[in-house]
Amino acid sequence: MNQTIFHLAFPVSDIARAKVYYVDGLGCIPGRENHHALVLNLYGHQLVAHLTKEPLTPQRGIYPRHFGLIFTSEADWKYLLTRAQQQQLLFREKPKHRFVNSPLEHRTFFLEDPFYNLMEFKYYFHPEAIFGSAEYAEIGDTHSQ
């Protein structure tokens, strides 16, 4: 394996419900599972849903905590968007087109799982904006903070 893989662990209150959401809804490939945790493959990255007895509460806004993917193909971004719509997943933020006609231009949408975990999925028109374009200060949606 030559590629570095991202790993993220997150809380859930029901492993079976998490499996339905992430596998049937989002399209993750299931891996190892027991009554405390579920390993998921999300586009080649490892997510691990861990059972918690702590109360899970929603965030007021999309910031500061969320996770997600940046697609390198707009077709892949659109595919996941269509899947999420067809599966009737909860959109925390509807699809939008940010920073139109600028080097930071991208498409994005946010989903919220049944455990209040927020996920953002993006596609940048100019890949250099993913990490670069430091001369610009715009990040995210200022009105959502």
C-alpha atoms as a PDB file:
ATOM      1  CA  MET A   1       0.000   0.000   0.000  1.00  0.00           C
ATOM      2  CA  ASN A   2       1.705   3.176  -1.215  1.00  0.00           C
ATOM      3  CA  GLN A   3      -1.062   5.627  -0.456  1.00  0.00           C
ATOM      4  CA  THR A   4      -1.603   7.314   2.885  1.00  0.00           C
ATOM      5  CA  ILE A   5      -5.128   6.736   4.172  1.00  0.00           C
ATOM      6  CA  PHE A   6      -7.074   9.089   6.410  1.00  0.00           C
ATOM      7  CA  HIS A   7      -8.632   7.631   9.605  1.00  0.00           C
ATOM      8  CA  LEU A   8     -11.457   9.203  11.583  1.00  0.00           C
ATOM      9  CA  ALA A   9     -13.263   7.819  14.633  1.00  0.00           C
ATOM     10  CA  PHE A  10     -16.627   9.300  15.603  1.00  0.00           C
ATOM     11  CA  PRO A  11     -19.394   8.619  18.144  1.00  0.00           C
ATOM     12  CA  VAL A  12     -22.684   6.829  17.512  1.00  0.00           C
ATOM     13  CA  SER A  13     -25.399   5.587  19.848  1.00  0.00           C
ATOM     14  CA  ASP A  14     -26.467   2.558  17.765  1.00  0.00           C
ATOM     15  CA  ILE A  15     -24.136   0.410  15.634  1.00  0.00           C
ATOM     16  CA  ALA A  16     -26.943  -1.159  13.558  1.00  0.00           C
ATOM     17  CA  ARG A  17     -28.425   2.258  12.751  1.00  0.00           C
ATOM     18  CA  ALA A  18     -24.957   3.600  11.879  1.00  0.00           C
ATOM     19  CA  LYS A  19     -24.459   0.670   9.488  1.00  0.00           C
ATOM     20  CA  VAL A  20     -27.760   1.374   7.735  1.00  0.00           C
ATOM     21  CA  TYR A  21     -26.903   5.074   7.343  1.00  0.00           C
ATOM     22  CA  TYR A  22     -23.283   4.728   6.262  1.00  0.00           C
ATOM     23  CA  VAL A  23     -23.514   1.535   4.172  1.00  0.00           C
ATOM     24  CA  ASP A  24     -27.016   1.656   2.693  1.00  0.00           C
ATOM     25  CA  GLY A  25     -27.317   5.444   2.637  1.00  0.00           C
ATOM     26  CA  LEU A  26     -23.859   6.880   2.014  1.00  0.00           C
ATOM     27  CA  GLY A  27     -22.439   3.865   0.198  1.00  0.00           C
ATOM     28  CA  CYS A  28     -19.547   2.985   2.508  1.00  0.00           C
ATOM     29  CA  ILE A  29     -18.107  -0.524   2.359  1.00  0.00           C
ATOM     30  CA  PRO A  30     -18.445  -2.237   5.754  1.00  0.00           C
ATOM     31  CA  GLY A  31     -15.413  -3.798   7.412  1.00  0.00           C
ATOM     32  CA  ARG A  32     -14.922  -5.305  10.841  1.00  0.00           C
ATOM     33  CA  GLU A  33     -17.807  -4.958  13.270  1.00  0.00           C
ATOM     34  CA  ASN A  34     -18.637  -5.840  16.854  1.00  0.00           C
ATOM     35  CA  HIS A  35     -21.154  -4.526  19.376  1.00  0.00           C
ATOM     36  CA  HIS A  36     -18.851  -1.569  20.213  1.00  0.00           C
ATOM     37  CA  ALA A  37     -17.592  -0.400  16.817  1.00  0.00           C
ATOM     38  CA  LEU A  38     -17.956  -0.541  13.035  1.00  0.00           C
ATOM     39  CA  VAL A  39     -15.145  -0.023  10.513  1.00  0.00           C
ATOM     40  CA  LEU A  40     -16.196   1.659   7.262  1.00  0.00           C
ATOM     41  CA  ASN A  41     -14.459   2.346   3.961  1.00  0.00           C
ATOM     42  CA  LEU A  42     -15.450   5.786   2.624  1.00  0.00           C
ATOM     43  CA  TYR A  43     -13.774   6.203  -0.781  1.00  0.00           C
ATOM     44  CA  GLY A  44     -10.643   4.438   0.471  1.00  0.00           C
ATOM     45  CA  HIS A  45     -10.479   6.148   3.868  1.00  0.00           C
ATOM     46  CA  GLN A  46     -11.156   4.484   7.200  1.00  0.00           C
ATOM     47  CA  LEU A  47     -14.047   5.670   9.335  1.00  0.00           C
ATOM     48  CA  VAL A  48     -14.738   3.959  12.653  1.00  0.00           C
ATOM     49  CA  ALA A  49     -18.105   4.409  14.340  1.00  0.00           C
ATOM     50  CA  HIS A  50     -17.643   3.892  18.091  1.00  0.00           C
ATOM     51  CA  LEU A  51     -20.572   3.227  20.385  1.00  0.00           C
ATOM     52  CA  THR A  52     -20.926   5.769  23.177  1.00  0.00           C
ATOM     53  CA  LYS A  53     -23.298   6.085  26.086  1.00  0.00           C
ATOM     54  CA  GLU A  54     -22.592   9.805  26.315  1.00  0.00           C
ATOM     55  CA  PRO A  55     -25.491  11.974  25.165  1.00  0.00           C
ATOM     56  CA  LEU A  56     -25.086  13.112  21.559  1.00  0.00           C
ATOM     57  CA  THR A  57     -26.303  16.607  20.791  1.00  0.00           C
ATOM     58  CA  PRO A  58     -26.509  18.607  17.583  1.00  0.00           C
ATOM     59  CA  GLN A  59     -24.192  21.526  16.843  1.00  0.00           C
ATOM     60  CA  ARG A  60     -25.868  24.882  16.375  1.00  0.00           C
ATOM     61  CA  GLY A  61     -24.064  25.455  13.088  1.00  0.00           C
ATOM     62  CA  ILE A  62     -21.809  23.665  10.637  1.00  0.00           C
ATOM     63  CA  TYR A  63     -18.706  25.104  12.318  1.00  0.00           C
ATOM     64  CA  PRO A  64     -16.398  24.305  13.928  1.00  0.00           C
ATOM     65  CA  ARG A  65     -16.699  20.498  13.784  1.00  0.00           C
ATOM     66  CA  HIS A  66     -17.338  18.477  10.642  1.00  0.00           C
ATOM     67  CA  PHE A  67     -15.480  16.075   8.381  1.00  0.00           C
ATOM     68  CA  GLY A  68     -15.779  15.036   4.763  1.00  0.00           C
ATOM     69  CA  LEU A  69     -14.155  14.570   1.395  1.00  0.00           C
ATOM     70  CA  ILE A  70     -12.884  16.726  -1.427  1.00  0.00           C
ATOM     71  CA  PHE A  71     -13.576  15.064  -4.757  1.00  0.00           C
ATOM     72  CA  THR A  72     -11.129  15.477  -7.625  1.00  0.00           C
ATOM     73  CA  SER A  73     -13.907  14.803 -10.134  1.00  0.00           C
ATOM     74  CA  GLU A  74     -17.093  16.846 -10.361  1.00  0.00           C
ATOM     75  CA  ALA A  75     -18.884  13.730 -11.677  1.00  0.00           C
ATOM     76  CA  ASP A  76     -17.999  11.854  -8.461  1.00  0.00           C
ATOM     77  CA  TRP A  77     -19.271  14.783  -6.360  1.00  0.00           C
ATOM     78  CA  LYS A  78     -22.527  14.819  -8.356  1.00  0.00           C
ATOM     79  CA  TYR A  79     -22.874  11.040  -7.989  1.00  0.00           C
ATOM     80  CA  LEU A  80     -22.690  11.231  -4.188  1.00  0.00           C
ATOM     81  CA  LEU A  81     -25.073  14.202  -4.178  1.00  0.00           C
ATOM     82  CA  THR A  82     -27.600  12.246  -6.251  1.00  0.00           C
ATOM     83  CA  ARG A  83     -27.199   9.179  -4.031  1.00  0.00           C
ATOM     84  CA  ALA A  84     -27.753  11.258  -0.880  1.00  0.00           C
ATOM     85  CA  GLN A  85     -30.889  12.780  -2.405  1.00  0.00           C
ATOM     86  CA  GLN A  86     -32.238   9.396  -3.537  1.00  0.00           C
ATOM     87  CA  GLN A  87     -31.520   7.860  -0.122  1.00  0.00           C
ATOM     88  CA  GLN A  88     -33.257  10.861   1.493  1.00  0.00           C
ATOM     89  CA  LEU A  89     -30.288  11.591   3.742  1.00  0.00           C
ATOM     90  CA  LEU A  90     -30.604  14.692   5.910  1.00  0.00           C
ATOM     91  CA  PHE A  91     -28.972  17.718   4.277  1.00  0.00           C
ATOM     92  CA  ARG A  92     -27.699  20.086   6.954  1.00  0.00           C
ATOM     93  CA  GLU A  93     -26.740  22.518   4.160  1.00  0.00           C
ATOM     94  CA  LYS A  94     -28.188  22.148   0.665  1.00  0.00           C
ATOM     95  CA  PRO A  95     -25.816  21.947  -2.304  1.00  0.00           C
ATOM     96  CA  LYS A  96     -24.298  25.304  -3.142  1.00  0.00           C
ATOM     97  CA  HIS A  97     -21.772  26.911  -5.399  1.00  0.00           C
ATOM     98  CA  ARG A  98     -19.295  29.015  -3.371  1.00  0.00           C
ATOM     99  CA  PHE A  99     -16.954  31.801  -4.523  1.00  0.00           C
ATOM    100  CA  VAL A 100     -18.192  31.705  -8.129  1.00  0.00           C
ATOM    101  CA  ASN A 101     -15.766  33.073 -10.740  1.00  0.00           C
ATOM    102  CA  SER A 102     -12.859  33.160  -8.300  1.00  0.00           C
ATOM    103  CA  PRO A 103      -9.841  30.870  -7.860  1.00  0.00           C
ATOM    104  CA  LEU A 104     -11.605  29.474  -4.752  1.00  0.00           C
ATOM    105  CA  GLU A 105     -14.718  28.384  -6.676  1.00  0.00           C
ATOM    106  CA  HIS A 106     -16.181  25.096  -5.454  1.00  0.00           C
ATOM    107  CA  ARG A 107     -19.366  23.101  -4.974  1.00  0.00           C
ATOM    108  CA  THR A 108     -20.332  21.822  -1.533  1.00  0.00           C
ATOM    109  CA  PHE A 109     -23.069  20.224   0.550  1.00  0.00           C
ATOM    110  CA  PHE A 110     -23.373  19.091   4.155  1.00  0.00           C
ATOM    111  CA  LEU A 111     -25.042  15.971   5.513  1.00  0.00           C
ATOM    112  CA  GLU A 112     -25.955  15.170   9.106  1.00  0.00           C
ATOM    113  CA  ASP A 113     -26.038  11.551  10.250  1.00  0.00           C
ATOM    114  CA  PRO A 114     -28.551  10.256  12.845  1.00  0.00           C
ATOM    115  CA  PHE A 115     -25.957  10.938  15.583  1.00  0.00           C
ATOM    116  CA  TYR A 116     -25.441  14.629  14.690  1.00  0.00           C
ATOM    117  CA  ASN A 117     -22.078  14.084  12.968  1.00  0.00           C
ATOM    118  CA  LEU A 118     -21.711  16.612  10.144  1.00  0.00           C
ATOM    119  CA  MET A 119     -20.048  15.784   6.831  1.00  0.00           C
ATOM    120  CA  GLU A 120     -19.073  18.155   4.031  1.00  0.00           C
ATOM    121  CA  PHE A 121     -18.460  17.036   0.456  1.00  0.00           C
ATOM    122  CA  LYS A 122     -16.662  19.400  -1.931  1.00  0.00           C
ATOM    123  CA  TYR A 123     -15.414  19.706  -5.484  1.00  0.00           C
ATOM    124  CA  TYR A 124     -12.950  22.521  -6.331  1.00  0.00           C
ATOM    125  CA  PHE A 125     -12.842  23.876  -9.884  1.00  0.00           C
ATOM    126  CA  HIS A 126      -9.198  24.883  -9.341  1.00  0.00           C
ATOM    127  CA  PRO A 127      -7.315  22.147  -7.424  1.00  0.00           C
ATOM    128  CA  GLU A 128      -4.617  24.575  -6.269  1.00  0.00           C
ATOM    129  CA  ALA A 129      -7.237  26.183  -3.982  1.00  0.00           C
ATOM    130  CA  ILE A 130      -7.483  23.010  -1.872  1.00  0.00           C
ATOM    131  CA  PHE A 131      -4.283  23.882   0.009  1.00  0.00           C
ATOM    132  CA  GLY A 132      -2.976  26.967  -1.735  1.00  0.00           C
ATOM    133  CA  SER A 133      -4.288  30.353  -2.848  1.00  0.00           C
ATOM    134  CA  ALA A 134      -2.971  31.822   0.399  1.00  0.00           C
ATOM    135  CA  GLU A 135      -3.455  35.351  -0.946  1.00  0.00           C
ATOM    136  CA  TYR A 136      -7.217  34.853  -0.385  1.00  0.00           C
ATOM    137  CA  ALA A 137      -8.735  34.962   3.110  1.00  0.00           C
ATOM    138  CA  GLU A 138     -12.156  33.423   2.356  1.00  0.00           C
ATOM    139  CA  ILE A 139     -12.804  30.104   4.109  1.00  0.00           C
ATOM    140  CA  GLY A 140     -16.251  28.513   4.397  1.00  0.00           C
ATOM    141  CA  ASP A 141     -19.441  30.488   4.891  1.00  0.00           C
ATOM    142  CA  THR A 142     -19.059  33.516   7.146  1.00  0.00           C
ATOM    143  CA  HIS A 143     -22.841  33.751   7.657  1.00  0.00           C
ATOM    144  CA  SER A 144     -23.008  30.159   9.043  1.00  0.00           C
ATOM    145  CA  GLN A 145     -20.586  30.671  11.931  1.00  0.00           C
END
